Amino acid sequence: HWHGFFQRRGEQRDGEYYLEQRHMDGSGRIGYVFGGNAEGGTFWYHS
């Protein structure tokens, strides 16, 4: 769950597993891409 980030095309990865998130592939990994023009501030992620 993200705090402080604006979710652009990423809101499907910010919620309850099986309710809001897509299923992971068999690798057990999820990748995130952060743009270089990100807004400033305080941000954090927790699960």
N, C-alpha and C. Protein backbone atom coordinates (compact mmCIF):
# COMPACT_ATOMS: atom_id res chain seq x y z
N HIS A 1 0.84 -1.17 0.00
CA HIS A 1 0.00 0.00 0.00
C HIS A 1 0.89 1.24 0.00
N TRP A 2 0.62 2.15 -0.90
CA TRP A 2 1.44 3.35 -1.07
C TRP A 2 0.85 4.54 -0.33
N HIS A 3 1.71 5.39 0.17
CA HIS A 3 1.30 6.66 0.78
C HIS A 3 2.08 7.79 0.12
N GLY A 4 1.38 8.82 -0.35
CA GLY A 4 2.03 10.00 -0.89
C GLY A 4 2.27 9.99 -2.38
N PHE A 5 2.26 8.82 -3.00
CA PHE A 5 2.48 8.73 -4.44
C PHE A 5 1.18 8.92 -5.19
N PHE A 6 1.23 9.64 -6.29
CA PHE A 6 0.08 9.69 -7.19
C PHE A 6 0.11 8.42 -8.03
N GLN A 7 -0.96 7.67 -8.01
CA GLN A 7 -1.03 6.42 -8.76
C GLN A 7 -1.48 6.70 -10.19
N ARG A 8 -0.57 6.57 -11.11
CA ARG A 8 -0.89 6.72 -12.52
C ARG A 8 -0.74 5.36 -13.18
N ARG A 9 -1.85 4.78 -13.57
CA ARG A 9 -1.88 3.44 -14.17
C ARG A 9 -1.30 2.40 -13.23
N GLY A 10 -1.31 2.64 -11.92
CA GLY A 10 -0.75 1.68 -10.98
C GLY A 10 -1.68 1.35 -9.84
N GLU A 11 -2.90 1.87 -9.86
CA GLU A 11 -3.80 1.64 -8.74
C GLU A 11 -4.19 0.17 -8.58
N GLN A 12 -4.03 -0.64 -9.63
CA GLN A 12 -4.35 -2.06 -9.50
C GLN A 12 -3.36 -2.78 -8.60
N ARG A 13 -2.27 -2.15 -8.24
CA ARG A 13 -1.28 -2.76 -7.35
C ARG A 13 -1.30 -2.14 -5.96
N ASP A 14 -2.40 -1.53 -5.59
CA ASP A 14 -2.46 -0.84 -4.31
C ASP A 14 -3.72 -1.25 -3.55
N GLY A 15 -3.79 -2.51 -3.17
CA GLY A 15 -4.97 -2.94 -2.44
C GLY A 15 -4.89 -4.39 -2.02
N GLU A 16 -6.04 -4.92 -1.71
CA GLU A 16 -6.14 -6.30 -1.23
C GLU A 16 -5.80 -7.29 -2.35
N TYR A 17 -4.96 -8.25 -2.03
CA TYR A 17 -4.63 -9.30 -2.98
C TYR A 17 -5.90 -10.07 -3.32
N TYR A 18 -6.09 -10.39 -4.54
CA TYR A 18 -7.26 -11.07 -5.10
C TYR A 18 -8.48 -10.17 -5.24
N LEU A 19 -8.49 -9.00 -4.64
CA LEU A 19 -9.61 -8.08 -4.81
C LEU A 19 -9.26 -6.94 -5.74
N GLU A 20 -8.11 -6.29 -5.51
CA GLU A 20 -7.71 -5.15 -6.32
C GLU A 20 -6.43 -5.39 -7.10
N GLN A 21 -5.59 -6.32 -6.65
CA GLN A 21 -4.33 -6.57 -7.33
C GLN A 21 -4.47 -7.65 -8.37
N ARG A 22 -3.65 -7.56 -9.41
CA ARG A 22 -3.55 -8.64 -10.38
C ARG A 22 -2.73 -9.77 -9.77
N HIS A 23 -2.91 -10.95 -10.30
CA HIS A 23 -2.15 -12.10 -9.82
C HIS A 23 -0.69 -12.00 -10.26
N MET A 24 0.21 -12.46 -9.41
CA MET A 24 1.62 -12.48 -9.75
C MET A 24 1.89 -13.66 -10.68
N ASP A 25 2.94 -13.53 -11.48
CA ASP A 25 3.35 -14.67 -12.29
C ASP A 25 4.12 -15.66 -11.41
N GLY A 26 4.58 -16.72 -11.97
CA GLY A 26 5.25 -17.76 -11.20
C GLY A 26 6.59 -17.37 -10.59
N SER A 27 7.15 -16.22 -10.97
CA SER A 27 8.46 -15.81 -10.46
C SER A 27 8.39 -15.32 -9.02
N GLY A 28 7.21 -14.91 -8.56
CA GLY A 28 7.09 -14.37 -7.20
C GLY A 28 7.59 -12.95 -7.08
N ARG A 29 7.77 -12.25 -8.19
CA ARG A 29 8.29 -10.88 -8.17
C ARG A 29 7.29 -9.92 -8.80
N ILE A 30 7.31 -8.69 -8.29
CA ILE A 30 6.51 -7.60 -8.86
C ILE A 30 7.45 -6.44 -9.11
N GLY A 31 7.41 -5.88 -10.30
CA GLY A 31 8.27 -4.74 -10.62
C GLY A 31 7.50 -3.43 -10.60
N TYR A 32 8.16 -2.38 -10.18
CA TYR A 32 7.60 -1.04 -10.18
C TYR A 32 8.54 -0.12 -10.93
N VAL A 33 7.99 0.81 -11.68
CA VAL A 33 8.78 1.78 -12.43
C VAL A 33 8.46 3.16 -11.90
N PHE A 34 9.50 3.91 -11.53
CA PHE A 34 9.34 5.27 -11.03
C PHE A 34 9.93 6.22 -12.05
N GLY A 35 9.16 7.21 -12.46
CA GLY A 35 9.62 8.18 -13.44
C GLY A 35 10.59 9.18 -12.85
N GLY A 36 11.41 9.76 -13.71
CA GLY A 36 12.39 10.75 -13.28
C GLY A 36 11.79 12.10 -12.94
N ASN A 37 10.56 12.34 -13.34
CA ASN A 37 9.91 13.62 -13.06
C ASN A 37 8.91 13.48 -11.92
N ALA A 38 9.24 12.69 -10.93
CA ALA A 38 8.32 12.44 -9.81
C ALA A 38 8.16 13.69 -8.96
N GLU A 39 6.99 13.80 -8.35
CA GLU A 39 6.72 14.92 -7.47
C GLU A 39 7.51 14.78 -6.17
N GLY A 40 7.81 15.89 -5.54
CA GLY A 40 8.57 15.87 -4.29
C GLY A 40 7.66 15.65 -3.10
N GLY A 41 8.22 15.19 -2.00
CA GLY A 41 7.44 15.00 -0.79
C GLY A 41 7.91 13.80 0.01
N THR A 42 7.07 13.37 0.93
CA THR A 42 7.36 12.21 1.76
C THR A 42 6.50 11.05 1.27
N PHE A 43 7.13 9.92 1.02
CA PHE A 43 6.43 8.77 0.46
C PHE A 43 6.88 7.51 1.19
N TRP A 44 5.98 6.53 1.30
CA TRP A 44 6.39 5.24 1.82
C TRP A 44 5.43 4.17 1.35
N TYR A 45 5.89 2.93 1.47
CA TYR A 45 5.12 1.76 1.07
C TYR A 45 5.11 0.79 2.23
N HIS A 46 3.99 0.15 2.45
CA HIS A 46 3.93 -0.94 3.43
C HIS A 46 2.99 -2.00 2.92
N SER A 47 3.15 -3.20 3.43
CA SER A 47 2.27 -4.30 3.00
C SER A 47 1.55 -4.89 4.18
